[in-house]
Amino acid sequence: MALSEGQIKQYAEGGGVKCPHCGSPEIEGMSGFECDAGYVDQEVRCGGCGKAWHDVYRLVGISER
């Protein structure tokens, strides 16, 4: 079953620390990132229910060194 817009929003606003499908905190980002114009994504899997999805990241600022 596909996630609803509300479930996706709740997952993102919660910091992406619990599975959006089952609520388990046993999620793990898989190695590697995919980069494209304006965004980066990473596959994430849940150890609780076995579902997988992609977290999508966007630039929100910079840090000068």
N, C-alpha and C. Protein backbone atom coordinates (compact mmCIF):
# COMPACT_ATOMS: atom_id res chain seq x y z
N MET A 1 0.84 -1.18 0.00
CA MET A 1 0.00 0.00 0.00
C MET A 1 0.89 1.24 0.00
N ALA A 2 0.56 2.20 -0.82
CA ALA A 2 1.32 3.45 -0.92
C ALA A 2 1.07 4.32 0.30
N LEU A 3 2.10 5.06 0.68
CA LEU A 3 1.97 5.99 1.80
C LEU A 3 1.12 7.18 1.38
N SER A 4 0.36 7.71 2.31
CA SER A 4 -0.43 8.91 2.04
C SER A 4 0.47 10.14 2.15
N GLU A 5 0.01 11.25 1.61
CA GLU A 5 0.76 12.52 1.73
C GLU A 5 0.97 12.86 3.20
N GLY A 6 -0.02 12.59 4.04
CA GLY A 6 0.08 12.86 5.47
C GLY A 6 1.16 12.02 6.14
N GLN A 7 1.24 10.75 5.76
CA GLN A 7 2.27 9.87 6.33
C GLN A 7 3.67 10.33 5.93
N ILE A 8 3.82 10.72 4.68
CA ILE A 8 5.11 11.21 4.20
C ILE A 8 5.50 12.49 4.93
N LYS A 9 4.56 13.40 5.07
CA LYS A 9 4.81 14.66 5.77
C LYS A 9 5.19 14.40 7.23
N GLN A 10 4.48 13.51 7.89
CA GLN A 10 4.76 13.18 9.29
C GLN A 10 6.16 12.57 9.43
N TYR A 11 6.54 11.70 8.51
CA TYR A 11 7.86 11.09 8.53
C TYR A 11 8.95 12.16 8.38
N ALA A 12 8.79 13.04 7.41
CA ALA A 12 9.79 14.08 7.16
C ALA A 12 9.87 15.07 8.32
N GLU A 13 8.73 15.51 8.83
CA GLU A 13 8.72 16.47 9.93
C GLU A 13 9.24 15.85 11.22
N GLY A 14 9.17 14.52 11.35
CA GLY A 14 9.68 13.83 12.52
C GLY A 14 11.18 13.54 12.42
N GLY A 15 11.80 13.99 11.36
CA GLY A 15 13.24 13.82 11.19
C GLY A 15 13.65 12.52 10.53
N GLY A 16 12.68 11.74 10.08
CA GLY A 16 13.01 10.49 9.38
C GLY A 16 13.66 9.44 10.26
N VAL A 17 13.22 9.35 11.51
CA VAL A 17 13.86 8.41 12.44
C VAL A 17 13.02 7.16 12.73
N LYS A 18 11.79 7.12 12.22
CA LYS A 18 10.93 5.95 12.40
C LYS A 18 10.31 5.59 11.06
N CYS A 19 10.14 4.30 10.84
CA CYS A 19 9.56 3.81 9.58
C CYS A 19 8.19 4.46 9.34
N PRO A 20 7.99 5.01 8.14
CA PRO A 20 6.68 5.61 7.84
C PRO A 20 5.58 4.57 7.63
N HIS A 21 5.95 3.30 7.51
CA HIS A 21 4.98 2.23 7.31
C HIS A 21 4.52 1.63 8.64
N CYS A 22 5.49 1.29 9.52
CA CYS A 22 5.12 0.58 10.75
C CYS A 22 5.51 1.32 12.04
N GLY A 23 6.28 2.40 11.92
CA GLY A 23 6.67 3.17 13.10
C GLY A 23 7.89 2.65 13.84
N SER A 24 8.53 1.61 13.33
CA SER A 24 9.71 1.05 13.98
C SER A 24 10.89 2.01 13.87
N PRO A 25 11.70 2.12 14.94
CA PRO A 25 12.90 2.95 14.86
C PRO A 25 14.07 2.20 14.21
N GLU A 26 13.86 0.95 13.82
CA GLU A 26 14.93 0.12 13.26
C GLU A 26 15.08 0.36 11.75
N ILE A 27 15.39 1.61 11.37
CA ILE A 27 15.59 1.91 9.96
C ILE A 27 17.07 2.14 9.71
N GLU A 28 17.48 1.85 8.48
CA GLU A 28 18.89 1.97 8.12
C GLU A 28 19.03 2.52 6.71
N GLY A 29 19.84 3.56 6.58
CA GLY A 29 20.16 4.09 5.26
C GLY A 29 21.17 3.17 4.59
N MET A 30 20.89 2.81 3.37
CA MET A 30 21.80 1.95 2.63
C MET A 30 22.97 2.80 2.14
N SER A 31 24.08 2.15 1.87
CA SER A 31 25.27 2.90 1.47
C SER A 31 25.06 3.55 0.11
N GLY A 32 25.65 4.71 -0.04
CA GLY A 32 25.59 5.43 -1.30
C GLY A 32 24.42 6.37 -1.41
N PHE A 33 24.62 7.39 -2.19
CA PHE A 33 23.61 8.41 -2.46
C PHE A 33 23.52 8.61 -3.96
N GLU A 34 22.34 8.97 -4.44
CA GLU A 34 22.15 9.33 -5.84
C GLU A 34 21.97 10.84 -5.90
N CYS A 35 22.75 11.49 -6.73
CA CYS A 35 22.69 12.95 -6.87
C CYS A 35 22.14 13.31 -8.23
N ASP A 36 21.27 14.30 -8.25
CA ASP A 36 20.73 14.83 -9.49
C ASP A 36 20.53 16.31 -9.29
N ALA A 37 20.14 17.01 -10.30
CA ALA A 37 20.00 18.46 -10.23
C ALA A 37 19.08 18.89 -9.10
N GLY A 38 19.66 19.42 -8.03
CA GLY A 38 18.87 20.00 -6.96
C GLY A 38 18.47 19.07 -5.83
N TYR A 39 18.79 17.78 -5.92
CA TYR A 39 18.42 16.90 -4.82
C TYR A 39 19.36 15.70 -4.74
N VAL A 40 19.31 15.05 -3.59
CA VAL A 40 20.06 13.83 -3.33
C VAL A 40 19.07 12.84 -2.72
N ASP A 41 19.17 11.57 -3.09
CA ASP A 41 18.31 10.58 -2.42
C ASP A 41 19.13 9.38 -1.99
N GLN A 42 18.58 8.66 -1.00
CA GLN A 42 19.23 7.50 -0.42
C GLN A 42 18.17 6.45 -0.12
N GLU A 43 18.47 5.21 -0.44
CA GLU A 43 17.55 4.12 -0.11
C GLU A 43 17.61 3.85 1.40
N VAL A 44 16.45 3.66 1.99
CA VAL A 44 16.32 3.37 3.42
C VAL A 44 15.47 2.11 3.56
N ARG A 45 15.85 1.25 4.50
CA ARG A 45 15.08 0.01 4.74
C ARG A 45 14.74 -0.11 6.22
N CYS A 46 13.60 -0.74 6.48
CA CYS A 46 13.13 -0.95 7.85
C CYS A 46 13.42 -2.39 8.27
N GLY A 47 14.08 -2.53 9.43
CA GLY A 47 14.34 -3.86 9.97
C GLY A 47 13.12 -4.46 10.63
N GLY A 48 12.09 -3.63 10.88
CA GLY A 48 10.88 -4.12 11.53
C GLY A 48 9.92 -4.78 10.55
N CYS A 49 9.61 -4.08 9.46
CA CYS A 49 8.61 -4.61 8.52
C CYS A 49 9.19 -4.99 7.16
N GLY A 50 10.47 -4.64 6.93
CA GLY A 50 11.11 -5.01 5.67
C GLY A 50 10.84 -4.09 4.50
N LYS A 51 10.05 -3.03 4.69
CA LYS A 51 9.74 -2.10 3.60
C LYS A 51 10.98 -1.27 3.28
N ALA A 52 11.04 -0.76 2.05
CA ALA A 52 12.13 0.11 1.61
C ALA A 52 11.54 1.33 0.91
N TRP A 53 12.26 2.43 0.96
CA TRP A 53 11.85 3.68 0.33
C TRP A 53 13.09 4.51 0.10
N HIS A 54 12.94 5.66 -0.51
CA HIS A 54 14.05 6.59 -0.72
C HIS A 54 13.79 7.88 0.03
N ASP A 55 14.74 8.27 0.88
CA ASP A 55 14.70 9.60 1.50
C ASP A 55 15.25 10.57 0.46
N VAL A 56 14.61 11.73 0.33
CA VAL A 56 15.04 12.76 -0.61
C VAL A 56 15.48 13.97 0.19
N TYR A 57 16.70 14.42 -0.07
CA TYR A 57 17.28 15.56 0.65
C TYR A 57 17.39 16.75 -0.28
N ARG A 58 17.26 17.96 0.30
CA ARG A 58 17.46 19.17 -0.47
C ARG A 58 18.32 20.14 0.32
N LEU A 59 19.00 21.02 -0.37
CA LEU A 59 19.87 22.00 0.25
C LEU A 59 19.05 22.99 1.04
N VAL A 60 19.41 23.18 2.30
CA VAL A 60 18.70 24.14 3.15
C VAL A 60 19.63 25.23 3.68
N GLY A 61 20.90 25.12 3.38
CA GLY A 61 21.85 26.14 3.82
C GLY A 61 23.26 25.68 3.56
N ILE A 62 24.21 26.49 4.02
CA ILE A 62 25.62 26.14 3.88
C ILE A 62 26.33 26.43 5.20
N SER A 63 27.50 25.84 5.34
CA SER A 63 28.34 26.08 6.50
C SER A 63 29.71 26.48 5.98
N GLU A 64 30.15 27.68 6.32
CA GLU A 64 31.46 28.12 5.88
C GLU A 64 32.53 27.54 6.79
N ARG A 65 33.65 27.24 6.21
CA ARG A 65 34.77 26.65 6.98
C ARG A 65 35.85 27.67 7.17
